[in-house]
Amino acid sequence: MEFFRIKKDIPFMRHALIFNVISAVTFLAAVFFLVHKGLHLSVEFKGGTLMEVKYPKAANLEGIRGTLIAMGYEEPGVTSFDTARDVMIRLPVEKGVSAANTSQRVFDALCKAEQGTTKAIDTVTAKGEHVLKSACMDAAGSEAVVLQKVEFVGPQVGEELAQNGLNALVVVIIGVMIYLAIRFEWKYAVSAIIANLHDVVIILGFFAFFEWEFSLTVLAAILAVLGYSVNESVVIFDRIRENFRKQRKATVHEVIDSAITSTISRTIITHGSTQMMVLSMLVFGGQTLHHFALALTIGICFGIYSSVFVAASIAMWLGVKREDLIKPVKEKDETDGAVV
């Protein structure tokens, strides 16, 4: 399926140096912000308090987030899980304040927001022990907010999650290199990985510059961008290999230009439809999906750019040639066969 067909090849490789200089400047700027400003890590990575509360009806997530912001928390994590009534709250570590005190202050504020009052109720556990539990009672005598669970995520757990995330990123990169080296040739594997790392670093640079929260969902988006960008590179590399077979007299520049030009329509359809879905998450997904969709949006836009102007040009500069992808046909020896 094609929206349009371009009859004359666009000379992308003629301007490869200019685009790659722009790419290098953007990459270095991202690295600069990562080094000097760093990432604004979420509770999962740097530790904090996790609370689970339950409401009698669908919870107003924006209202809960507003209450927490009024308490002084800049970017509290408020997400629903299981049902619309169940809410998970993630709060950063406060110096000199225990997790119990933090959770109690937050619970009191949430109870007040629901026009309730906090009371201590004597409850009996499964083991028959009597435990005092904080409850939020409204004017009718029913619970307006139920505190289900409170957990403290220590810095050690956060470091372990960060290490596991880094390991996942390394495994994906190694897997991609092995796949491309087997399917095509090592020059293509190297160029595709450089292009993909270019996308990852730029996404991280955006998060560092604007101080957006970097959470596990953002890490998942970055891993998704890696796979998405590789797919685009594979399509272009496959068309380059096909053109090497068809265009015997064409130069490497002309073969690559023809491959990119012939896949433009497919690129617009694929990336356009994907971007529409991601933008719908960004606009209508609320705060829960905001940073996830934001990372995907940046990754998709730069993924198109890197696949065309970074991966293809680096492969060209590495000296890719027809013999790398097409094995020469061995001429049959006329003396082969039985000799009498």
C-alpha atoms as a PDB file:
ATOM      1  CA  MET A   1       0.000   0.000   0.000  1.00  0.00           C
ATOM      2  CA  GLU A   2       1.327   3.420  -0.989  1.00  0.00           C
ATOM      3  CA  PHE A   3      -0.034   6.950  -0.570  1.00  0.00           C
ATOM      4  CA  PHE A   4       2.221   8.186  -3.332  1.00  0.00           C
ATOM      5  CA  ARG A   5       5.101   7.063  -5.487  1.00  0.00           C
ATOM      6  CA  ILE A   6       8.192   9.218  -6.004  1.00  0.00           C
ATOM      7  CA  LYS A   7       9.522   8.678  -9.491  1.00  0.00           C
ATOM      8  CA  LYS A   8      12.907  10.327  -8.971  1.00  0.00           C
ATOM      9  CA  ASP A   9      15.194   9.240  -6.151  1.00  0.00           C
ATOM     10  CA  ILE A  10      15.865  11.874  -3.480  1.00  0.00           C
ATOM     11  CA  PRO A  11      19.636  12.349  -2.941  1.00  0.00           C
ATOM     12  CA  PHE A  12      19.614  11.804   0.834  1.00  0.00           C
ATOM     13  CA  MET A  13      23.230  10.654   0.996  1.00  0.00           C
ATOM     14  CA  ARG A  14      24.436  13.848  -0.696  1.00  0.00           C
ATOM     15  CA  HIS A  15      23.429  15.726   2.472  1.00  0.00           C
ATOM     16  CA  ALA A  16      24.366  12.955   4.912  1.00  0.00           C
ATOM     17  CA  LEU A  17      27.234  14.932   6.432  1.00  0.00           C
ATOM     18  CA  ILE A  18      25.037  17.946   7.255  1.00  0.00           C
ATOM     19  CA  PHE A  19      22.335  15.814   8.873  1.00  0.00           C
ATOM     20  CA  ASN A  20      24.867  13.818  10.854  1.00  0.00           C
ATOM     21  CA  VAL A  21      26.507  16.969  12.165  1.00  0.00           C
ATOM     22  CA  ILE A  22      23.075  18.080  13.397  1.00  0.00           C
ATOM     23  CA  SER A  23      22.587  14.632  14.890  1.00  0.00           C
ATOM     24  CA  ALA A  24      25.986  14.752  16.619  1.00  0.00           C
ATOM     25  CA  VAL A  25      25.262  18.200  18.108  1.00  0.00           C
ATOM     26  CA  THR A  26      21.876  16.982  19.403  1.00  0.00           C
ATOM     27  CA  PHE A  27      23.493  13.859  20.836  1.00  0.00           C
ATOM     28  CA  LEU A  28      26.233  15.839  22.615  1.00  0.00           C
ATOM     29  CA  ALA A  29      23.654  18.268  24.022  1.00  0.00           C
ATOM     30  CA  ALA A  30      21.681  15.310  25.422  1.00  0.00           C
ATOM     31  CA  VAL A  31      24.831  13.869  26.999  1.00  0.00           C
ATOM     32  CA  PHE A  32      25.654  17.296  28.494  1.00  0.00           C
ATOM     33  CA  PHE A  33      22.244  17.567  30.177  1.00  0.00           C
ATOM     34  CA  LEU A  34      22.452  13.984  31.405  1.00  0.00           C
ATOM     35  CA  VAL A  35      25.841  14.613  33.023  1.00  0.00           C
ATOM     36  CA  HIS A  36      25.116  18.061  34.493  1.00  0.00           C
ATOM     37  CA  LYS A  37      21.433  17.782  35.409  1.00  0.00           C
ATOM     38  CA  GLY A  38      20.898  14.032  35.636  1.00  0.00           C
ATOM     39  CA  LEU A  39      17.601  12.164  35.551  1.00  0.00           C
ATOM     40  CA  HIS A  40      14.742  12.953  37.899  1.00  0.00           C
ATOM     41  CA  LEU A  41      14.271   9.381  39.121  1.00  0.00           C
ATOM     42  CA  SER A  42      10.947   8.124  40.460  1.00  0.00           C
ATOM     43  CA  VAL A  43      10.286   6.361  43.763  1.00  0.00           C
ATOM     44  CA  GLU A  44      10.956   2.950  42.188  1.00  0.00           C
ATOM     45  CA  PHE A  45      14.591   3.903  41.636  1.00  0.00           C
ATOM     46  CA  LYS A  46      15.498   6.143  44.573  1.00  0.00           C
ATOM     47  CA  GLY A  47      13.197   4.702  47.238  1.00  0.00           C
ATOM     48  CA  GLY A  48      10.173   6.111  49.050  1.00  0.00           C
ATOM     49  CA  THR A  49       6.749   5.271  50.441  1.00  0.00           C
ATOM     50  CA  LEU A  50       4.085   3.269  48.590  1.00  0.00           C
ATOM     51  CA  MET A  51       0.493   3.550  49.748  1.00  0.00           C
ATOM     52  CA  GLU A  52      -2.593   1.705  48.584  1.00  0.00           C
ATOM     53  CA  VAL A  53      -5.951   3.305  49.346  1.00  0.00           C
ATOM     54  CA  LYS A  54      -9.488   2.309  48.400  1.00  0.00           C
ATOM     55  CA  TYR A  55     -12.504   4.530  47.787  1.00  0.00           C
ATOM     56  CA  PRO A  56     -16.190   3.538  47.917  1.00  0.00           C
ATOM     57  CA  LYS A  57     -16.607   4.854  44.356  1.00  0.00           C
ATOM     58  CA  ALA A  58     -14.357   5.645  41.393  1.00  0.00           C
ATOM     59  CA  ALA A  59     -11.422   7.680  42.679  1.00  0.00           C
ATOM     60  CA  ASN A  60     -10.700  11.179  41.411  1.00  0.00           C
ATOM     61  CA  LEU A  61      -7.011  10.805  40.552  1.00  0.00           C
ATOM     62  CA  GLU A  62      -6.520  14.465  39.684  1.00  0.00           C
ATOM     63  CA  GLY A  63      -8.124  15.499  42.958  1.00  0.00           C
ATOM     64  CA  ILE A  64      -5.822  13.158  44.909  1.00  0.00           C
ATOM     65  CA  ARG A  65      -2.804  14.469  43.014  1.00  0.00           C
ATOM     66  CA  GLY A  66      -3.873  18.051  43.752  1.00  0.00           C
ATOM     67  CA  THR A  67      -4.129  17.278  47.464  1.00  0.00           C
ATOM     68  CA  LEU A  68      -0.606  15.839  47.503  1.00  0.00           C
ATOM     69  CA  ILE A  69       0.812  18.783  45.554  1.00  0.00           C
ATOM     70  CA  ALA A  70      -0.774  21.135  48.098  1.00  0.00           C
ATOM     71  CA  MET A  71       1.107  19.193  50.802  1.00  0.00           C
ATOM     72  CA  GLY A  72       4.413  20.014  49.095  1.00  0.00           C
ATOM     73  CA  TYR A  73       5.021  16.960  46.901  1.00  0.00           C
ATOM     74  CA  GLU A  74       6.114  18.223  43.478  1.00  0.00           C
ATOM     75  CA  GLU A  75       5.358  15.148  41.325  1.00  0.00           C
ATOM     76  CA  PRO A  76       3.498  12.537  43.371  1.00  0.00           C
ATOM     77  CA  GLY A  77       2.811   9.240  41.645  1.00  0.00           C
ATOM     78  CA  VAL A  78      -0.934   8.556  41.630  1.00  0.00           C
ATOM     79  CA  THR A  79      -2.214   5.620  39.596  1.00  0.00           C
ATOM     80  CA  SER A  80      -5.229   3.331  39.691  1.00  0.00           C
ATOM     81  CA  PHE A  81      -4.884  -0.457  39.726  1.00  0.00           C
ATOM     82  CA  ASP A  82      -7.223  -3.464  39.734  1.00  0.00           C
ATOM     83  CA  THR A  83     -10.371  -1.291  39.808  1.00  0.00           C
ATOM     84  CA  ALA A  84     -11.167   2.408  39.451  1.00  0.00           C
ATOM     85  CA  ARG A  85     -11.620   2.560  43.249  1.00  0.00           C
ATOM     86  CA  ASP A  86      -8.116   1.294  44.075  1.00  0.00           C
ATOM     87  CA  VAL A  87      -5.308   3.863  44.021  1.00  0.00           C
ATOM     88  CA  MET A  88      -1.553   3.480  44.452  1.00  0.00           C
ATOM     89  CA  ILE A  89       0.361   6.502  45.718  1.00  0.00           C
ATOM     90  CA  ARG A  90       4.154   6.796  45.412  1.00  0.00           C
ATOM     91  CA  LEU A  91       5.919   9.381  47.531  1.00  0.00           C
ATOM     92  CA  PRO A  92       9.634  10.253  47.680  1.00  0.00           C
ATOM     93  CA  VAL A  93      11.812   9.838  50.754  1.00  0.00           C
ATOM     94  CA  GLU A  94      11.611  12.714  53.238  1.00  0.00           C
ATOM     95  CA  LYS A  95      14.651  13.352  55.411  1.00  0.00           C
ATOM     96  CA  GLY A  96      13.965  12.830  59.096  1.00  0.00           C
ATOM     97  CA  VAL A  97      10.427  11.534  58.479  1.00  0.00           C
ATOM     98  CA  SER A  98       9.535   7.840  58.761  1.00  0.00           C
ATOM     99  CA  ALA A  99       7.309   6.021  56.291  1.00  0.00           C
ATOM    100  CA  ALA A 100       4.640   5.626  59.003  1.00  0.00           C
ATOM    101  CA  ASN A 101       4.489   9.372  59.675  1.00  0.00           C
ATOM    102  CA  THR A 102       4.450  10.155  55.961  1.00  0.00           C
ATOM    103  CA  SER A 103       1.586   7.752  55.263  1.00  0.00           C
ATOM    104  CA  GLN A 104      -0.404   9.047  58.254  1.00  0.00           C
ATOM    105  CA  ARG A 105      -0.065  12.697  57.170  1.00  0.00           C
ATOM    106  CA  VAL A 106      -1.105  11.822  53.612  1.00  0.00           C
ATOM    107  CA  PHE A 107      -4.031   9.703  54.813  1.00  0.00           C
ATOM    108  CA  ASP A 108      -5.244  12.541  57.040  1.00  0.00           C
ATOM    109  CA  ALA A 109      -5.092  14.961  54.100  1.00  0.00           C
ATOM    110  CA  LEU A 110      -6.964  12.575  51.802  1.00  0.00           C
ATOM    111  CA  CYS A 111      -9.588  12.009  54.484  1.00  0.00           C
ATOM    112  CA  LYS A 112     -10.052  15.747  54.948  1.00  0.00           C
ATOM    113  CA  ALA A 113     -10.449  16.166  51.193  1.00  0.00           C
ATOM    114  CA  GLU A 114     -13.347  13.676  51.332  1.00  0.00           C
ATOM    115  CA  GLN A 115     -15.018  15.645  54.159  1.00  0.00           C
ATOM    116  CA  GLY A 116     -14.220  12.881  56.625  1.00  0.00           C
ATOM    117  CA  THR A 117     -12.525  12.605  59.994  1.00  0.00           C
ATOM    118  CA  THR A 118      -9.726  10.261  61.004  1.00  0.00           C
ATOM    119  CA  LYS A 119     -10.419   7.882  63.863  1.00  0.00           C
ATOM    120  CA  ALA A 120      -8.516   5.011  65.456  1.00  0.00           C
ATOM    121  CA  ILE A 121     -10.474   1.748  65.229  1.00  0.00           C
ATOM    122  CA  ASP A 122      -9.661  -1.447  67.087  1.00  0.00           C
ATOM    123  CA  THR A 123      -9.422  -4.273  64.532  1.00  0.00           C
ATOM    124  CA  VAL A 124      -8.687  -7.971  64.922  1.00  0.00           C
ATOM    125  CA  THR A 125      -6.134  -9.621  62.636  1.00  0.00           C
ATOM    126  CA  ALA A 126      -6.319 -13.144  61.228  1.00  0.00           C
ATOM    127  CA  LYS A 127      -4.130 -14.286  64.135  1.00  0.00           C
ATOM    128  CA  GLY A 128      -6.570 -12.857  66.681  1.00  0.00           C
ATOM    129  CA  GLU A 129      -4.413  -9.867  67.586  1.00  0.00           C
ATOM    130  CA  HIS A 130      -5.984  -6.492  68.372  1.00  0.00           C
ATOM    131  CA  VAL A 131      -4.491  -3.682  66.275  1.00  0.00           C
ATOM    132  CA  LEU A 132      -5.396   0.002  66.160  1.00  0.00           C
ATOM    133  CA  LYS A 133      -6.095   1.067  62.589  1.00  0.00           C
ATOM    134  CA  SER A 134      -6.645   4.576  61.210  1.00  0.00           C
ATOM    135  CA  ALA A 135      -9.982   4.919  59.484  1.00  0.00           C
ATOM    136  CA  CYS A 136     -11.595   7.814  57.649  1.00  0.00           C
ATOM    137  CA  MET A 137     -15.284   8.112  58.592  1.00  0.00           C
ATOM    138  CA  ASP A 138     -17.772  10.385  56.877  1.00  0.00           C
ATOM    139  CA  ALA A 139     -20.883  12.006  58.383  1.00  0.00           C
ATOM    140  CA  ALA A 140     -22.954   8.866  57.685  1.00  0.00           C
ATOM    141  CA  GLY A 141     -20.536   6.695  59.660  1.00  0.00           C
ATOM    142  CA  SER A 142     -19.101   4.807  56.651  1.00  0.00           C
ATOM    143  CA  GLU A 143     -15.486   4.761  55.553  1.00  0.00           C
ATOM    144  CA  ALA A 144     -14.745   7.484  52.973  1.00  0.00           C
ATOM    145  CA  VAL A 145     -11.181   6.280  52.354  1.00  0.00           C
ATOM    146  CA  VAL A 146      -9.649   2.931  53.317  1.00  0.00           C
ATOM    147  CA  LEU A 147      -5.910   2.620  53.858  1.00  0.00           C
ATOM    148  CA  GLN A 148      -5.130  -0.822  52.444  1.00  0.00           C
ATOM    149  CA  LYS A 149      -1.350  -1.069  52.690  1.00  0.00           C
ATOM    150  CA  VAL A 150       1.792   0.966  53.335  1.00  0.00           C
ATOM    151  CA  GLU A 151       5.252  -0.114  52.147  1.00  0.00           C
ATOM    152  CA  PHE A 152       8.659   1.503  52.248  1.00  0.00           C
ATOM    153  CA  VAL A 153      10.954   1.031  49.237  1.00  0.00           C
ATOM    154  CA  GLY A 154      14.539   1.440  50.422  1.00  0.00           C
ATOM    155  CA  PRO A 155      17.354   2.910  48.325  1.00  0.00           C
ATOM    156  CA  GLN A 156      18.882  -0.564  48.002  1.00  0.00           C
ATOM    157  CA  VAL A 157      15.741  -1.865  46.263  1.00  0.00           C
ATOM    158  CA  GLY A 158      15.780   1.183  43.983  1.00  0.00           C
ATOM    159  CA  GLU A 159      19.406   0.547  43.028  1.00  0.00           C
ATOM    160  CA  GLU A 160      18.561  -3.069  42.255  1.00  0.00           C
ATOM    161  CA  LEU A 161      15.712  -1.989  39.971  1.00  0.00           C
ATOM    162  CA  ALA A 162      18.007   0.495  38.218  1.00  0.00           C
ATOM    163  CA  GLN A 163      20.625  -2.221  37.703  1.00  0.00           C
ATOM    164  CA  ASN A 164      18.004  -4.637  36.344  1.00  0.00           C
ATOM    165  CA  GLY A 165      16.779  -1.945  33.946  1.00  0.00           C
ATOM    166  CA  LEU A 166      20.321  -1.321  32.724  1.00  0.00           C
ATOM    167  CA  ASN A 167      20.841  -5.072  32.271  1.00  0.00           C
ATOM    168  CA  ALA A 168      17.648  -5.271  30.212  1.00  0.00           C
ATOM    169  CA  LEU A 169      18.878  -2.421  27.994  1.00  0.00           C
ATOM    170  CA  VAL A 170      22.255  -4.121  27.438  1.00  0.00           C
ATOM    171  CA  VAL A 171      20.618  -7.477  26.618  1.00  0.00           C
ATOM    172  CA  VAL A 172      18.354  -5.805  24.034  1.00  0.00           C
ATOM    173  CA  ILE A 173      21.319  -4.044  22.404  1.00  0.00           C
ATOM    174  CA  ILE A 174      23.373  -7.261  22.217  1.00  0.00           C
ATOM    175  CA  GLY A 175      20.403  -9.179  20.833  1.00  0.00           C
ATOM    176  CA  VAL A 176      19.800  -6.568  18.141  1.00  0.00           C
ATOM    177  CA  MET A 177      23.465  -6.596  17.087  1.00  0.00           C
ATOM    178  CA  ILE A 178      23.531 -10.398  16.824  1.00  0.00           C
ATOM    179  CA  TYR A 179      20.287 -10.421  14.819  1.00  0.00           C
ATOM    180  CA  LEU A 180      21.436  -7.772  12.336  1.00  0.00           C
ATOM    181  CA  ALA A 181      24.915  -9.284  12.010  1.00  0.00           C
ATOM    182  CA  ILE A 182      23.361 -12.662  11.119  1.00  0.00           C
ATOM    183  CA  ARG A 183      20.672 -11.289   8.816  1.00  0.00           C
ATOM    184  CA  PHE A 184      22.832  -8.709   7.051  1.00  0.00           C
ATOM    185  CA  GLU A 185      26.456  -7.964   7.909  1.00  0.00           C
ATOM    186  CA  TRP A 186      28.430  -6.496  10.821  1.00  0.00           C
ATOM    187  CA  LYS A 187      28.588  -3.037   9.236  1.00  0.00           C
ATOM    188  CA  TYR A 188      24.804  -2.844   9.298  1.00  0.00           C
ATOM    189  CA  ALA A 189      24.697  -4.110  12.886  1.00  0.00           C
ATOM    190  CA  VAL A 190      27.121  -1.412  14.044  1.00  0.00           C
ATOM    191  CA  SER A 191      25.322   1.379  12.173  1.00  0.00           C
ATOM    192  CA  ALA A 192      21.882   0.296  13.485  1.00  0.00           C
ATOM    193  CA  ILE A 193      23.082   0.127  17.100  1.00  0.00           C
ATOM    194  CA  ILE A 194      24.687   3.586  16.862  1.00  0.00           C
ATOM    195  CA  ALA A 195      21.414   4.936  15.456  1.00  0.00           C
ATOM    196  CA  ASN A 196      19.365   3.246  18.190  1.00  0.00           C
ATOM    197  CA  LEU A 197      21.633   4.448  20.990  1.00  0.00           C
ATOM    198  CA  HIS A 198      21.350   7.907  19.429  1.00  0.00           C
ATOM    199  CA  ASP A 199      17.561   7.688  19.937  1.00  0.00           C
ATOM    200  CA  VAL A 200      17.864   6.409  23.528  1.00  0.00           C
ATOM    201  CA  VAL A 201      20.344   9.099  24.608  1.00  0.00           C
ATOM    202  CA  ILE A 202      18.238  11.877  23.063  1.00  0.00           C
ATOM    203  CA  ILE A 203      15.119  10.639  24.898  1.00  0.00           C
ATOM    204  CA  LEU A 204      17.082  10.606  28.159  1.00  0.00           C
ATOM    205  CA  GLY A 205      18.424  14.069  27.319  1.00  0.00           C
ATOM    206  CA  PHE A 206      14.894  15.433  26.976  1.00  0.00           C
ATOM    207  CA  PHE A 207      13.929  13.961  30.354  1.00  0.00           C
ATOM    208  CA  ALA A 208      17.055  15.417  31.958  1.00  0.00           C
ATOM    209  CA  PHE A 209      16.626  18.898  30.424  1.00  0.00           C
ATOM    210  CA  PHE A 210      12.925  19.280  31.290  1.00  0.00           C
ATOM    211  CA  GLU A 211      13.325  17.361  34.583  1.00  0.00           C
ATOM    212  CA  TRP A 212      10.509  14.975  33.751  1.00  0.00           C
ATOM    213  CA  GLU A 213      10.143  12.010  36.087  1.00  0.00           C
ATOM    214  CA  PHE A 214      11.962   8.897  34.900  1.00  0.00           C
ATOM    215  CA  SER A 215      10.018   5.817  36.014  1.00  0.00           C
ATOM    216  CA  LEU A 216       9.776   2.141  35.109  1.00  0.00           C
ATOM    217  CA  THR A 217       7.095   2.948  32.510  1.00  0.00           C
ATOM    218  CA  VAL A 218       9.512   5.348  30.789  1.00  0.00           C
ATOM    219  CA  LEU A 219      12.168   2.614  30.787  1.00  0.00           C
ATOM    220  CA  ALA A 220       9.616   0.293  29.149  1.00  0.00           C
ATOM    221  CA  ALA A 221       8.959   2.974  26.509  1.00  0.00           C
ATOM    222  CA  ILE A 222      12.695   3.253  25.769  1.00  0.00           C
ATOM    223  CA  LEU A 223      12.960  -0.527  25.276  1.00  0.00           C
ATOM    224  CA  ALA A 224       9.937  -0.337  22.952  1.00  0.00           C
ATOM    225  CA  VAL A 225      11.608   2.471  20.968  1.00  0.00           C
ATOM    226  CA  LEU A 226      14.712   0.301  20.528  1.00  0.00           C
ATOM    227  CA  GLY A 227      12.676  -2.455  18.909  1.00  0.00           C
ATOM    228  CA  TYR A 228      10.660   0.017  16.871  1.00  0.00           C
ATOM    229  CA  SER A 229      13.740   1.767  15.461  1.00  0.00           C
ATOM    230  CA  VAL A 230      15.392  -1.547  14.613  1.00  0.00           C
ATOM    231  CA  ASN A 231      12.331  -2.518  12.589  1.00  0.00           C
ATOM    232  CA  GLU A 232      12.652   0.627  10.480  1.00  0.00           C
ATOM    233  CA  SER A 233      16.383   0.043   9.959  1.00  0.00           C
ATOM    234  CA  VAL A 234      15.738  -3.568   8.897  1.00  0.00           C
ATOM    235  CA  VAL A 235      13.202  -2.422   6.283  1.00  0.00           C
ATOM    236  CA  ILE A 236      15.689   0.035   4.763  1.00  0.00           C
ATOM    237  CA  PHE A 237      18.608  -2.429   4.906  1.00  0.00           C
ATOM    238  CA  ASP A 238      16.463  -5.104   3.271  1.00  0.00           C
ATOM    239  CA  ARG A 239      15.579  -2.721   0.446  1.00  0.00           C
ATOM    240  CA  ILE A 240      19.284  -1.824   0.049  1.00  0.00           C
ATOM    241  CA  ARG A 241      20.099  -5.505  -0.364  1.00  0.00           C
ATOM    242  CA  GLU A 242      17.307  -5.871  -2.910  1.00  0.00           C
ATOM    243  CA  ASN A 243      18.529  -2.839  -4.859  1.00  0.00           C
ATOM    244  CA  PHE A 244      22.093  -4.199  -4.950  1.00  0.00           C
ATOM    245  CA  ARG A 245      20.681  -7.182  -6.847  1.00  0.00           C
ATOM    246  CA  LYS A 246      18.574  -5.078  -9.223  1.00  0.00           C
ATOM    247  CA  GLN A 247      20.799  -2.060  -9.825  1.00  0.00           C
ATOM    248  CA  ARG A 248      24.054  -3.677 -10.882  1.00  0.00           C
ATOM    249  CA  LYS A 249      25.597  -0.518 -12.313  1.00  0.00           C
ATOM    250  CA  ALA A 250      24.468   1.905  -9.613  1.00  0.00           C
ATOM    251  CA  THR A 251      26.857   3.333  -7.033  1.00  0.00           C
ATOM    252  CA  VAL A 252      26.433   2.734  -3.294  1.00  0.00           C
ATOM    253  CA  HIS A 253      25.069   6.291  -2.886  1.00  0.00           C
ATOM    254  CA  GLU A 254      22.451   5.718  -5.575  1.00  0.00           C
ATOM    255  CA  VAL A 255      21.433   2.335  -4.158  1.00  0.00           C
ATOM    256  CA  ILE A 256      20.888   3.757  -0.662  1.00  0.00           C
ATOM    257  CA  ASP A 257      19.027   6.819  -1.985  1.00  0.00           C
ATOM    258  CA  SER A 258      16.757   4.565  -4.016  1.00  0.00           C
ATOM    259  CA  ALA A 259      16.100   2.303  -1.012  1.00  0.00           C
ATOM    260  CA  ILE A 260      15.138   5.196   1.269  1.00  0.00           C
ATOM    261  CA  THR A 261      13.013   6.904  -1.395  1.00  0.00           C
ATOM    262  CA  SER A 262      11.083   3.730  -2.207  1.00  0.00           C
ATOM    263  CA  THR A 263      10.220   3.183   1.480  1.00  0.00           C
ATOM    264  CA  ILE A 264       9.070   6.749   2.249  1.00  0.00           C
ATOM    265  CA  SER A 265       5.397   5.993   1.623  1.00  0.00           C
ATOM    266  CA  ARG A 266       5.559   2.942   3.888  1.00  0.00           C
ATOM    267  CA  THR A 267       7.377   4.985   6.549  1.00  0.00           C
ATOM    268  CA  ILE A 268       4.698   7.697   6.533  1.00  0.00           C
ATOM    269  CA  ILE A 269       1.874   5.140   6.839  1.00  0.00           C
ATOM    270  CA  THR A 270       3.542   3.112   9.599  1.00  0.00           C
ATOM    271  CA  HIS A 271       4.908   5.950  11.699  1.00  0.00           C
ATOM    272  CA  GLY A 272       1.888   8.164  11.110  1.00  0.00           C
ATOM    273  CA  SER A 273      -0.600   5.547  12.354  1.00  0.00           C
ATOM    274  CA  THR A 274       1.638   4.659  15.312  1.00  0.00           C
ATOM    275  CA  GLN A 275       2.127   8.295  16.229  1.00  0.00           C
ATOM    276  CA  MET A 276      -1.637   8.912  16.179  1.00  0.00           C
ATOM    277  CA  MET A 277      -2.151   6.125  18.745  1.00  0.00           C
ATOM    278  CA  VAL A 278       0.684   7.430  20.922  1.00  0.00           C
ATOM    279  CA  LEU A 279      -0.614  11.012  20.739  1.00  0.00           C
ATOM    280  CA  SER A 280      -4.061   9.802  21.813  1.00  0.00           C
ATOM    281  CA  MET A 281      -2.414   8.281  24.908  1.00  0.00           C
ATOM    282  CA  LEU A 282      -0.494  11.513  25.481  1.00  0.00           C
ATOM    283  CA  VAL A 283      -3.623  13.685  25.244  1.00  0.00           C
ATOM    284  CA  PHE A 284      -6.297  11.432  26.770  1.00  0.00           C
ATOM    285  CA  GLY A 285      -4.266   8.992  28.886  1.00  0.00           C
ATOM    286  CA  GLY A 286      -3.929  11.336  31.833  1.00  0.00           C
ATOM    287  CA  GLN A 287      -0.958  11.707  34.142  1.00  0.00           C
ATOM    288  CA  THR A 288      -0.552   7.935  34.455  1.00  0.00           C
ATOM    289  CA  LEU A 289       0.457   7.467  30.801  1.00  0.00           C
ATOM    290  CA  HIS A 290       1.829  10.965  30.179  1.00  0.00           C
ATOM    291  CA  HIS A 291       5.577  10.308  30.488  1.00  0.00           C
ATOM    292  CA  PHE A 292       5.266   6.883  28.844  1.00  0.00           C
ATOM    293  CA  ALA A 293       3.563   8.406  25.786  1.00  0.00           C
ATOM    294  CA  LEU A 294       5.986  11.336  25.839  1.00  0.00           C
ATOM    295  CA  ALA A 295       9.009   9.030  25.629  1.00  0.00           C
ATOM    296  CA  LEU A 296       7.381   7.087  22.774  1.00  0.00           C
ATOM    297  CA  THR A 297       6.560  10.293  20.889  1.00  0.00           C
ATOM    298  CA  ILE A 298      10.151  11.540  21.074  1.00  0.00           C
ATOM    299  CA  GLY A 299      11.493   8.073  20.213  1.00  0.00           C
ATOM    300  CA  ILE A 300       9.284   7.635  17.153  1.00  0.00           C
ATOM    301  CA  CYS A 301      10.155  11.071  15.740  1.00  0.00           C
ATOM    302  CA  PHE A 302      13.889  10.611  16.211  1.00  0.00           C
ATOM    303  CA  GLY A 303      13.628   6.940  15.188  1.00  0.00           C
ATOM    304  CA  ILE A 304      12.566   7.969  11.686  1.00  0.00           C
ATOM    305  CA  TYR A 305      15.400  10.473  11.508  1.00  0.00           C
ATOM    306  CA  SER A 306      18.070   8.080  12.772  1.00  0.00           C
ATOM    307  CA  SER A 307      17.008   5.195  10.518  1.00  0.00           C
ATOM    308  CA  VAL A 308      17.274   7.374   7.401  1.00  0.00           C
ATOM    309  CA  PHE A 309      20.085   9.819   8.109  1.00  0.00           C
ATOM    310  CA  VAL A 310      22.140   8.043  10.777  1.00  0.00           C
ATOM    311  CA  ALA A 311      22.000   4.278  10.199  1.00  0.00           C
ATOM    312  CA  ALA A 312      22.132   4.401   6.397  1.00  0.00           C
ATOM    313  CA  SER A 313      24.889   7.023   6.238  1.00  0.00           C
ATOM    314  CA  ILE A 314      27.050   5.262   8.847  1.00  0.00           C
ATOM    315  CA  ALA A 315      26.703   2.015   6.893  1.00  0.00           C
ATOM    316  CA  MET A 316      27.814   3.917   3.787  1.00  0.00           C
ATOM    317  CA  TRP A 317      30.821   5.430   5.583  1.00  0.00           C
ATOM    318  CA  LEU A 318      31.799   2.018   6.957  1.00  0.00           C
ATOM    319  CA  GLY A 319      32.276   0.983   3.345  1.00  0.00           C
ATOM    320  CA  VAL A 320      29.272  -1.246   2.719  1.00  0.00           C
ATOM    321  CA  LYS A 321      29.312  -2.743  -0.767  1.00  0.00           C
ATOM    322  CA  ARG A 322      27.432  -5.191  -2.934  1.00  0.00           C
ATOM    323  CA  GLU A 323      29.694  -8.106  -1.985  1.00  0.00           C
ATOM    324  CA  ASP A 324      28.776  -7.676   1.704  1.00  0.00           C
ATOM    325  CA  LEU A 325      25.186  -8.717   1.061  1.00  0.00           C
ATOM    326  CA  ILE A 326      25.322 -10.749  -2.137  1.00  0.00           C
ATOM    327  CA  LYS A 327      27.665 -13.648  -2.355  1.00  0.00           C
ATOM    328  CA  PRO A 328      29.414 -13.831  -5.725  1.00  0.00           C
ATOM    329  CA  VAL A 329      28.329 -16.706  -7.933  1.00  0.00           C
ATOM    330  CA  LYS A 330      31.060 -19.280  -8.223  1.00  0.00           C
ATOM    331  CA  GLU A 331      31.838 -20.044 -11.844  1.00  0.00           C
ATOM    332  CA  LYS A 332      31.519 -23.691 -12.738  1.00  0.00           C
ATOM    333  CA  ASP A 333      34.776 -25.316 -13.772  1.00  0.00           C
ATOM    334  CA  GLU A 334      34.476 -26.826 -17.238  1.00  0.00           C
ATOM    335  CA  THR A 335      36.719 -29.679 -16.185  1.00  0.00           C
ATOM    336  CA  ASP A 336      34.346 -30.674 -13.356  1.00  0.00           C
ATOM    337  CA  GLY A 337      33.018 -34.204 -13.681  1.00  0.00           C
ATOM    338  CA  ALA A 338      34.447 -37.558 -14.518  1.00  0.00           C
ATOM    339  CA  VAL A 339      37.578 -37.704 -16.681  1.00  0.00           C
ATOM    340  CA  VAL A 340      37.988 -40.741 -18.947  1.00  0.00           C
END
